[in-house]
Structures are given as structure tokens and as C-alpha cells.
């Protein structure tokens, strides 16, 4: 929507950021949480590829573009863990 790409929306509103810390003791707590988190993230991204979108300029307008297939998402997924 045009109003979402104006100066106010793109520059003044802070981004949403969240972080969760997990504690894991190898051999005591079962599977590492990283394995579970990667599987869940893949499922969420597959269901809603817009979450992997990037801001791009397309035909002179600021737009959001997302990967055509999950393979492009998979390539960069490990960089987050």
C-alpha cells in the first residue's frame, strides 16, 4: 500500500525485534533446541514465504520480494544459528 512506503512508515517506526535465550545441557535435555527451531522455522517460512521477503525497488516503487522456492531460504538459514 502506498501509505506504508512513505517516509513515516519506512523511517520513523522502529522494527520489531525479539530474542529468546535457551539453556541446554548436552546429554541431559534431549535433542538440542537448535534442531527443533530450524524445523519450525522451515515450516513457518514454507507456509508464509513473505516472512523471508526483502525490500526492493521494482518499476520505480518500493516493493517486497520473496524467494520463489524454499531452497533460496534454506541456503541462508544456517547463518542465523
PDB file of N, CA and C in Angstrom:
ATOM      1  N   UNK A   1       0.843  -1.172   0.000  1.00  0.00           N
ATOM      2  CA  UNK A   1       0.000   0.000   0.000  1.00  0.00           C
ATOM      3  C   UNK A   1       0.891   1.238   0.000  1.00  0.00           C
ATOM      4  N   UNK A   2       0.484   2.217  -0.724  1.00  0.00           N
ATOM      5  CA  UNK A   2       1.295   3.432  -0.853  1.00  0.00           C
ATOM      6  C   UNK A   2       1.623   4.092   0.487  1.00  0.00           C
ATOM      7  N   UNK A   3       0.643   4.151   1.378  1.00  0.00           N
ATOM      8  CA  UNK A   3       0.902   4.835   2.658  1.00  0.00           C
ATOM      9  C   UNK A   3       1.915   4.085   3.514  1.00  0.00           C
ATOM     10  N   UNK A   4       2.135   2.790   3.265  1.00  0.00           N
ATOM     11  CA  UNK A   4       3.107   2.023   4.047  1.00  0.00           C
ATOM     12  C   UNK A   4       4.549   2.231   3.575  1.00  0.00           C
ATOM     13  N   UNK A   5       4.718   2.858   2.431  1.00  0.00           N
ATOM     14  CA  UNK A   5       6.068   3.097   1.921  1.00  0.00           C
ATOM     15  C   UNK A   5       6.474   4.556   2.024  1.00  0.00           C
ATOM     16  N   UNK A   6       5.666   5.343   2.719  1.00  0.00           N
ATOM     17  CA  UNK A   6       6.034   6.744   2.866  1.00  0.00           C
ATOM     18  C   UNK A   6       7.124   6.907   3.932  1.00  0.00           C
ATOM     19  N   UNK A   7       7.633   8.105   4.069  1.00  0.00           N
ATOM     20  CA  UNK A   7       8.733   8.392   4.985  1.00  0.00           C
ATOM     21  C   UNK A   7       8.416   7.963   6.422  1.00  0.00           C
ATOM     22  N   UNK A   8       7.220   8.261   6.876  1.00  0.00           N
ATOM     23  CA  UNK A   8       6.852   7.964   8.264  1.00  0.00           C
ATOM     24  C   UNK A   8       6.930   6.463   8.527  1.00  0.00           C
ATOM     25  N   UNK A   9       6.328   5.670   7.656  1.00  0.00           N
ATOM     26  CA  UNK A   9       6.304   4.232   7.874  1.00  0.00           C
ATOM     27  C   UNK A   9       7.678   3.579   7.687  1.00  0.00           C
ATOM     28  N   UNK A  10       8.472   4.067   6.770  1.00  0.00           N
ATOM     29  CA  UNK A  10       9.753   3.434   6.473  1.00  0.00           C
ATOM     30  C   UNK A  10      10.880   3.920   7.369  1.00  0.00           C
ATOM     31  N   UNK A  11      10.756   5.101   7.939  1.00  0.00           N
ATOM     32  CA  UNK A  11      11.880   5.680   8.669  1.00  0.00           C
ATOM     33  C   UNK A  11      11.656   5.885  10.166  1.00  0.00           C
ATOM     34  N   UNK A  12      10.445   6.172  10.552  1.00  0.00           N
ATOM     35  CA  UNK A  12      10.223   6.562  11.936  1.00  0.00           C
ATOM     36  C   UNK A  12       9.752   5.436  12.851  1.00  0.00           C
ATOM     37  N   UNK A  13       9.071   4.438  12.309  1.00  0.00           N
ATOM     38  CA  UNK A  13       8.611   3.342  13.151  1.00  0.00           C
ATOM     39  C   UNK A  13       9.757   2.361  13.383  1.00  0.00           C
ATOM     40  N   UNK A  14       9.997   1.998  14.633  1.00  0.00           N
ATOM     41  CA  UNK A  14      11.103   1.065  14.897  1.00  0.00           C
ATOM     42  C   UNK A  14      10.745  -0.353  14.420  1.00  0.00           C
ATOM     43  N   UNK A  15      11.756  -1.144  14.076  1.00  0.00           N
ATOM     44  CA  UNK A  15      11.482  -2.524  13.661  1.00  0.00           C
ATOM     45  C   UNK A  15      11.076  -3.368  14.869  1.00  0.00           C
ATOM     46  N   UNK A  16      10.382  -4.432  14.613  1.00  0.00           N
ATOM     47  CA  UNK A  16      10.031  -5.366  15.664  1.00  0.00           C
ATOM     48  C   UNK A  16      11.211  -6.307  15.875  1.00  0.00           C
ATOM     49  N   UNK A  17      11.678  -6.409  17.092  1.00  0.00           N
ATOM     50  CA  UNK A  17      12.795  -7.298  17.385  1.00  0.00           C
ATOM     51  C   UNK A  17      12.467  -8.109  18.633  1.00  0.00           C
ATOM     52  N   UNK A  18      12.804  -9.365  18.579  1.00  0.00           N
ATOM     53  CA  UNK A  18      12.565 -10.255  19.703  1.00  0.00           C
ATOM     54  C   UNK A  18      13.725 -11.227  19.803  1.00  0.00           C
ATOM     55  N   UNK A  19      14.109 -11.572  21.020  1.00  0.00           N
ATOM     56  CA  UNK A  19      15.150 -12.565  21.213  1.00  0.00           C
ATOM     57  C   UNK A  19      14.746 -13.451  22.383  1.00  0.00           C
ATOM     58  N   UNK A  20      14.998 -14.729  22.242  1.00  0.00           N
ATOM     59  CA  UNK A  20      14.720 -15.686  23.293  1.00  0.00           C
ATOM     60  C   UNK A  20      15.993 -16.466  23.561  1.00  0.00           C
ATOM     61  N   UNK A  21      16.365 -16.586  24.813  1.00  0.00           N
ATOM     62  CA  UNK A  21      17.541 -17.354  25.186  1.00  0.00           C
ATOM     63  C   UNK A  21      17.107 -18.723  25.690  1.00  0.00           C
ATOM     64  N   UNK A  22      17.812 -19.759  25.254  1.00  0.00           N
ATOM     65  CA  UNK A  22      17.554 -21.118  25.692  1.00  0.00           C
ATOM     66  C   UNK A  22      18.786 -21.658  26.395  1.00  0.00           C
ATOM     67  N   UNK A  23      18.562 -22.422  27.444  1.00  0.00           N
ATOM     68  CA  UNK A  23      19.657 -23.121  28.095  1.00  0.00           C
ATOM     69  C   UNK A  23      19.531 -24.596  27.743  1.00  0.00           C
ATOM     70  N   UNK A  24      20.651 -25.218  27.451  1.00  0.00           N
ATOM     71  CA  UNK A  24      20.648 -26.617  27.046  1.00  0.00           C
ATOM     72  C   UNK A  24      21.863 -27.300  27.627  1.00  0.00           C
ATOM     73  N   UNK A  25      21.625 -28.430  28.272  1.00  0.00           N
ATOM     74  CA  UNK A  25      22.727 -29.210  28.818  1.00  0.00           C
ATOM     75  C   UNK A  25      22.827 -30.495  28.006  1.00  0.00           C
ATOM     76  N   UNK A  26      23.900 -30.640  27.249  1.00  0.00           N
ATOM     77  CA  UNK A  26      24.095 -31.771  26.346  1.00  0.00           C
ATOM     78  C   UNK A  26      23.972 -33.098  27.096  1.00  0.00           C
ATOM     79  N   UNK A  27      23.185 -34.014  26.518  1.00  0.00           N
ATOM     80  CA  UNK A  27      23.018 -35.328  27.108  1.00  0.00           C
ATOM     81  C   UNK A  27      21.985 -35.387  28.215  1.00  0.00           C
ATOM     82  N   UNK A  28      21.502 -34.253  28.648  1.00  0.00           N
ATOM     83  CA  UNK A  28      20.555 -34.212  29.759  1.00  0.00           C
ATOM     84  C   UNK A  28      19.168 -33.734  29.330  1.00  0.00           C
ATOM     85  N   UNK A  29      19.128 -32.863  28.338  1.00  0.00           N
ATOM     86  CA  UNK A  29      17.869 -32.229  27.952  1.00  0.00           C
ATOM     87  C   UNK A  29      17.286 -32.748  26.640  1.00  0.00           C
ATOM     88  N   UNK A  30      17.704 -33.904  26.165  1.00  0.00           N
ATOM     89  CA  UNK A  30      17.166 -34.431  24.911  1.00  0.00           C
ATOM     90  C   UNK A  30      17.806 -33.771  23.708  1.00  0.00           C
ATOM     91  N   UNK A  31      17.037 -33.638  22.615  1.00  0.00           N
ATOM     92  CA  UNK A  31      17.557 -33.033  21.386  1.00  0.00           C
ATOM     93  C   UNK A  31      17.880 -31.560  21.606  1.00  0.00           C
ATOM     94  N   UNK A  32      18.933 -31.090  20.945  1.00  0.00           N
ATOM     95  CA  UNK A  32      19.257 -29.658  21.049  1.00  0.00           C
ATOM     96  C   UNK A  32      18.101 -28.799  20.532  1.00  0.00           C
ATOM     97  N   UNK A  33      17.818 -27.682  21.180  1.00  0.00           N
ATOM     98  CA  UNK A  33      16.722 -26.816  20.725  1.00  0.00           C
ATOM     99  C   UNK A  33      16.963 -26.251  19.324  1.00  0.00           C
ATOM    100  N   UNK A  34      18.217 -26.166  18.893  1.00  0.00           N
ATOM    101  CA  UNK A  34      18.510 -25.621  17.566  1.00  0.00           C
ATOM    102  C   UNK A  34      17.848 -26.472  16.482  1.00  0.00           C
ATOM    103  N   UNK A  35      17.895 -27.776  16.638  1.00  0.00           N
ATOM    104  CA  UNK A  35      17.268 -28.677  15.660  1.00  0.00           C
ATOM    105  C   UNK A  35      15.768 -28.397  15.561  1.00  0.00           C
ATOM    106  N   UNK A  36      15.110 -28.307  16.705  1.00  0.00           N
ATOM    107  CA  UNK A  36      13.680 -28.024  16.723  1.00  0.00           C
ATOM    108  C   UNK A  36      13.371 -26.653  16.117  1.00  0.00           C
ATOM    109  N   UNK A  37      14.157 -25.643  16.495  1.00  0.00           N
ATOM    110  CA  UNK A  37      13.913 -24.294  15.999  1.00  0.00           C
ATOM    111  C   UNK A  37      14.080 -24.216  14.482  1.00  0.00           C
ATOM    112  N   UNK A  38      15.089 -24.899  13.938  1.00  0.00           N
ATOM    113  CA  UNK A  38      15.279 -24.910  12.480  1.00  0.00           C
ATOM    114  C   UNK A  38      14.093 -25.556  11.776  1.00  0.00           C
ATOM    115  N   UNK A  39      13.617 -26.673  12.326  1.00  0.00           N
ATOM    116  CA  UNK A  39      12.467 -27.363  11.722  1.00  0.00           C
ATOM    117  C   UNK A  39      11.224 -26.486  11.756  1.00  0.00           C
ATOM    118  N   UNK A  40      10.986 -25.819  12.871  1.00  0.00           N
ATOM    119  CA  UNK A  40       9.820 -24.932  12.988  1.00  0.00           C
ATOM    120  C   UNK A  40       9.944 -23.743  12.056  1.00  0.00           C
ATOM    121  N   UNK A  41      11.156 -23.170  11.974  1.00  0.00           N
ATOM    122  CA  UNK A  41      11.366 -22.025  11.100  1.00  0.00           C
ATOM    123  C   UNK A  41      11.130 -22.409   9.641  1.00  0.00           C
ATOM    124  N   UNK A  42      11.604 -23.572   9.231  1.00  0.00           N
ATOM    125  CA  UNK A  42      11.350 -24.049   7.862  1.00  0.00           C
ATOM    126  C   UNK A  42       9.847 -24.169   7.597  1.00  0.00           C
ATOM    127  N   UNK A  43       9.114 -24.749   8.553  1.00  0.00           N
ATOM    128  CA  UNK A  43       7.667 -24.923   8.385  1.00  0.00           C
ATOM    129  C   UNK A  43       6.950 -23.579   8.290  1.00  0.00           C
ATOM    130  N   UNK A  44       7.343 -22.634   9.124  1.00  0.00           N
ATOM    131  CA  UNK A  44       6.715 -21.308   9.112  1.00  0.00           C
ATOM    132  C   UNK A  44       7.020 -20.587   7.797  1.00  0.00           C
ATOM    133  N   UNK A  45       8.281 -20.646   7.361  1.00  0.00           N
ATOM    134  CA  UNK A  45       8.672 -19.972   6.112  1.00  0.00           C
ATOM    135  C   UNK A  45       7.989 -20.612   4.896  1.00  0.00           C
ATOM    136  N   UNK A  46       7.826 -21.919   4.941  1.00  0.00           N
ATOM    137  CA  UNK A  46       7.147 -22.598   3.834  1.00  0.00           C
ATOM    138  C   UNK A  46       5.679 -22.169   3.771  1.00  0.00           C
ATOM    139  N   UNK A  47       5.056 -22.027   4.935  1.00  0.00           N
ATOM    140  CA  UNK A  47       3.646 -21.622   4.986  1.00  0.00           C
ATOM    141  C   UNK A  47       3.464 -20.146   4.635  1.00  0.00           C
ATOM    142  N   UNK A  48       4.473 -19.319   4.933  1.00  0.00           N
ATOM    143  CA  UNK A  48       4.359 -17.888   4.687  1.00  0.00           C
ATOM    144  C   UNK A  48       5.690 -17.328   4.185  1.00  0.00           C
ATOM    145  N   UNK A  49       5.980 -17.495   2.890  1.00  0.00           N
ATOM    146  CA  UNK A  49       7.267 -17.040   2.354  1.00  0.00           C
ATOM    147  C   UNK A  49       7.484 -15.534   2.456  1.00  0.00           C
ATOM    148  N   UNK A  50       6.422 -14.768   2.714  1.00  0.00           N
ATOM    149  CA  UNK A  50       6.593 -13.318   2.867  1.00  0.00           C
ATOM    150  C   UNK A  50       7.507 -12.983   4.039  1.00  0.00           C
ATOM    151  N   UNK A  51       7.612 -13.885   4.999  1.00  0.00           N
ATOM    152  CA  UNK A  51       8.497 -13.649   6.143  1.00  0.00           C
ATOM    153  C   UNK A  51       9.961 -13.602   5.728  1.00  0.00           C
ATOM    154  N   UNK A  52      10.272 -14.151   4.560  1.00  0.00           N
ATOM    155  CA  UNK A  52      11.644 -14.125   4.040  1.00  0.00           C
ATOM    156  C   UNK A  52      11.810 -13.025   3.001  1.00  0.00           C
ATOM    157  N   UNK A  53      10.849 -12.133   2.920  1.00  0.00           N
ATOM    158  CA  UNK A  53      10.889 -11.104   1.878  1.00  0.00           C
ATOM    159  C   UNK A  53      11.938 -10.037   2.168  1.00  0.00           C
ATOM    160  N   UNK A  54      12.279  -9.330   1.130  1.00  0.00           N
ATOM    161  CA  UNK A  54      13.234  -8.221   1.198  1.00  0.00           C
ATOM    162  C   UNK A  54      12.608  -7.013   0.512  1.00  0.00           C
ATOM    163  N   UNK A  55      12.997  -5.827   0.964  1.00  0.00           N
ATOM    164  CA  UNK A  55      12.550  -4.616   0.290  1.00  0.00           C
ATOM    165  C   UNK A  55      13.391  -4.414  -0.962  1.00  0.00           C
ATOM    166  N   UNK A  56      12.737  -4.188  -2.075  1.00  0.00           N
ATOM    167  CA  UNK A  56      13.408  -3.948  -3.349  1.00  0.00           C
ATOM    168  C   UNK A  56      12.699  -2.805  -4.069  1.00  0.00           C
ATOM    169  N   UNK A  57      13.378  -2.214  -5.014  1.00  0.00           N
ATOM    170  CA  UNK A  57      12.736  -1.226  -5.876  1.00  0.00           C
ATOM    171  C   UNK A  57      12.378  -1.943  -7.172  1.00  0.00           C
ATOM    172  N   UNK A  58      11.090  -1.977  -7.485  1.00  0.00           N
ATOM    173  CA  UNK A  58      10.590  -2.658  -8.681  1.00  0.00           C
ATOM    174  C   UNK A  58       9.737  -1.678  -9.471  1.00  0.00           C
ATOM    175  N   UNK A  59      10.141  -1.445 -10.703  1.00  0.00           N
ATOM    176  CA  UNK A  59       9.441  -0.496 -11.574  1.00  0.00           C
ATOM    177  C   UNK A  59       9.272   0.865 -10.887  1.00  0.00           C
ATOM    178  N   UNK A  60      10.329   1.277 -10.178  1.00  0.00           N
ATOM    179  CA  UNK A  60      10.342   2.585  -9.549  1.00  0.00           C
ATOM    180  C   UNK A  60       9.598   2.686  -8.230  1.00  0.00           C
ATOM    181  N   UNK A  61       9.041   1.565  -7.747  1.00  0.00           N
ATOM    182  CA  UNK A  61       8.303   1.596  -6.483  1.00  0.00           C
ATOM    183  C   UNK A  61       8.957   0.653  -5.487  1.00  0.00           C
ATOM    184  N   UNK A  62       8.961   1.054  -4.227  1.00  0.00           N
ATOM    185  CA  UNK A  62       9.461   0.201  -3.169  1.00  0.00           C
ATOM    186  C   UNK A  62       8.495  -0.962  -3.002  1.00  0.00           C
ATOM    187  N   UNK A  63       9.019  -2.167  -3.068  1.00  0.00           N
ATOM    188  CA  UNK A  63       8.177  -3.367  -3.018  1.00  0.00           C
ATOM    189  C   UNK A  63       8.822  -4.418  -2.127  1.00  0.00           C
ATOM    190  N   UNK A  64       8.054  -5.433  -1.809  1.00  0.00           N
ATOM    191  CA  UNK A  64       8.596  -6.576  -1.079  1.00  0.00           C
ATOM    192  C   UNK A  64       8.668  -7.749  -2.050  1.00  0.00           C
ATOM    193  N   UNK A  65       9.829  -8.396  -2.086  1.00  0.00           N
ATOM    194  CA  UNK A  65      10.012  -9.561  -2.951  1.00  0.00           C
ATOM    195  C   UNK A  65      10.386 -10.744  -2.067  1.00  0.00           C
ATOM    196  N   UNK A  66       9.841 -11.919  -2.403  1.00  0.00           N
ATOM    197  CA  UNK A  66      10.184 -13.107  -1.629  1.00  0.00           C
ATOM    198  C   UNK A  66      10.696 -14.192  -2.571  1.00  0.00           C
ATOM    199  N   UNK A  67      11.478 -15.134  -2.039  1.00  0.00           N
ATOM    200  CA  UNK A  67      12.060 -16.180  -2.877  1.00  0.00           C
ATOM    201  C   UNK A  67      10.979 -17.034  -3.555  1.00  0.00           C
ATOM    202  N   UNK A  68      11.280 -17.502  -4.760  1.00  0.00           N
ATOM    203  CA  UNK A  68      10.327 -18.338  -5.490  1.00  0.00           C
ATOM    204  C   UNK A  68      10.196 -19.729  -4.880  1.00  0.00           C
ATOM    205  N   UNK A  69      11.284 -20.216  -4.284  1.00  0.00           N
ATOM    206  CA  UNK A  69      11.206 -21.536  -3.663  1.00  0.00           C
ATOM    207  C   UNK A  69      11.964 -21.543  -2.337  1.00  0.00           C
ATOM    208  N   UNK A  70      11.660 -22.537  -1.536  1.00  0.00           N
ATOM    209  CA  UNK A  70      12.247 -22.629  -0.206  1.00  0.00           C
ATOM    210  C   UNK A  70      13.754 -22.856  -0.252  1.00  0.00           C
ATOM    211  N   UNK A  71      14.275 -23.341  -1.374  1.00  0.00           N
ATOM    212  CA  UNK A  71      15.708 -23.579  -1.499  1.00  0.00           C
ATOM    213  C   UNK A  71      16.530 -22.330  -1.260  1.00  0.00           C
ATOM    214  N   UNK A  72      16.059 -21.211  -1.736  1.00  0.00           N
ATOM    215  CA  UNK A  72      16.771 -19.946  -1.522  1.00  0.00           C
ATOM    216  C   UNK A  72      16.775 -19.571  -0.041  1.00  0.00           C
ATOM    217  N   UNK A  73      15.723 -19.910   0.658  1.00  0.00           N
ATOM    218  CA  UNK A  73      15.651 -19.647   2.094  1.00  0.00           C
ATOM    219  C   UNK A  73      16.601 -20.584   2.830  1.00  0.00           C
ATOM    220  N   UNK A  74      16.597 -21.855   2.431  1.00  0.00           N
ATOM    221  CA  UNK A  74      17.429 -22.870   3.073  1.00  0.00           C
ATOM    222  C   UNK A  74      18.908 -22.492   3.041  1.00  0.00           C
ATOM    223  N   UNK A  75      19.350 -21.901   1.934  1.00  0.00           N
ATOM    224  CA  UNK A  75      20.761 -21.558   1.780  1.00  0.00           C
ATOM    225  C   UNK A  75      21.246 -20.618   2.883  1.00  0.00           C
ATOM    226  N   UNK A  76      20.403 -19.704   3.303  1.00  0.00           N
ATOM    227  CA  UNK A  76      20.815 -18.725   4.303  1.00  0.00           C
ATOM    228  C   UNK A  76      20.367 -19.040   5.717  1.00  0.00           C
ATOM    229  N   UNK A  77      19.576 -20.085   5.875  1.00  0.00           N
ATOM    230  CA  UNK A  77      19.005 -20.398   7.184  1.00  0.00           C
ATOM    231  C   UNK A  77      20.071 -20.663   8.247  1.00  0.00           C
ATOM    232  N   UNK A  78      21.106 -21.411   7.904  1.00  0.00           N
ATOM    233  CA  UNK A  78      22.132 -21.764   8.888  1.00  0.00           C
ATOM    234  C   UNK A  78      22.887 -20.549   9.411  1.00  0.00           C
ATOM    235  N   UNK A  79      22.892 -19.465   8.668  1.00  0.00           N
ATOM    236  CA  UNK A  79      23.615 -18.275   9.124  1.00  0.00           C
ATOM    237  C   UNK A  79      22.962 -17.643  10.355  1.00  0.00           C
ATOM    238  N   UNK A  80      21.719 -18.024  10.648  1.00  0.00           N
ATOM    239  CA  UNK A  80      21.033 -17.480  11.809  1.00  0.00           C
ATOM    240  C   UNK A  80      21.249 -18.293  13.075  1.00  0.00           C
ATOM    241  N   UNK A  81      21.887 -19.465  12.941  1.00  0.00           N
ATOM    242  CA  UNK A  81      22.085 -20.345  14.108  1.00  0.00           C
ATOM    243  C   UNK A  81      23.540 -20.544  14.408  1.00  0.00           C
TER     244      UNK A  81
END
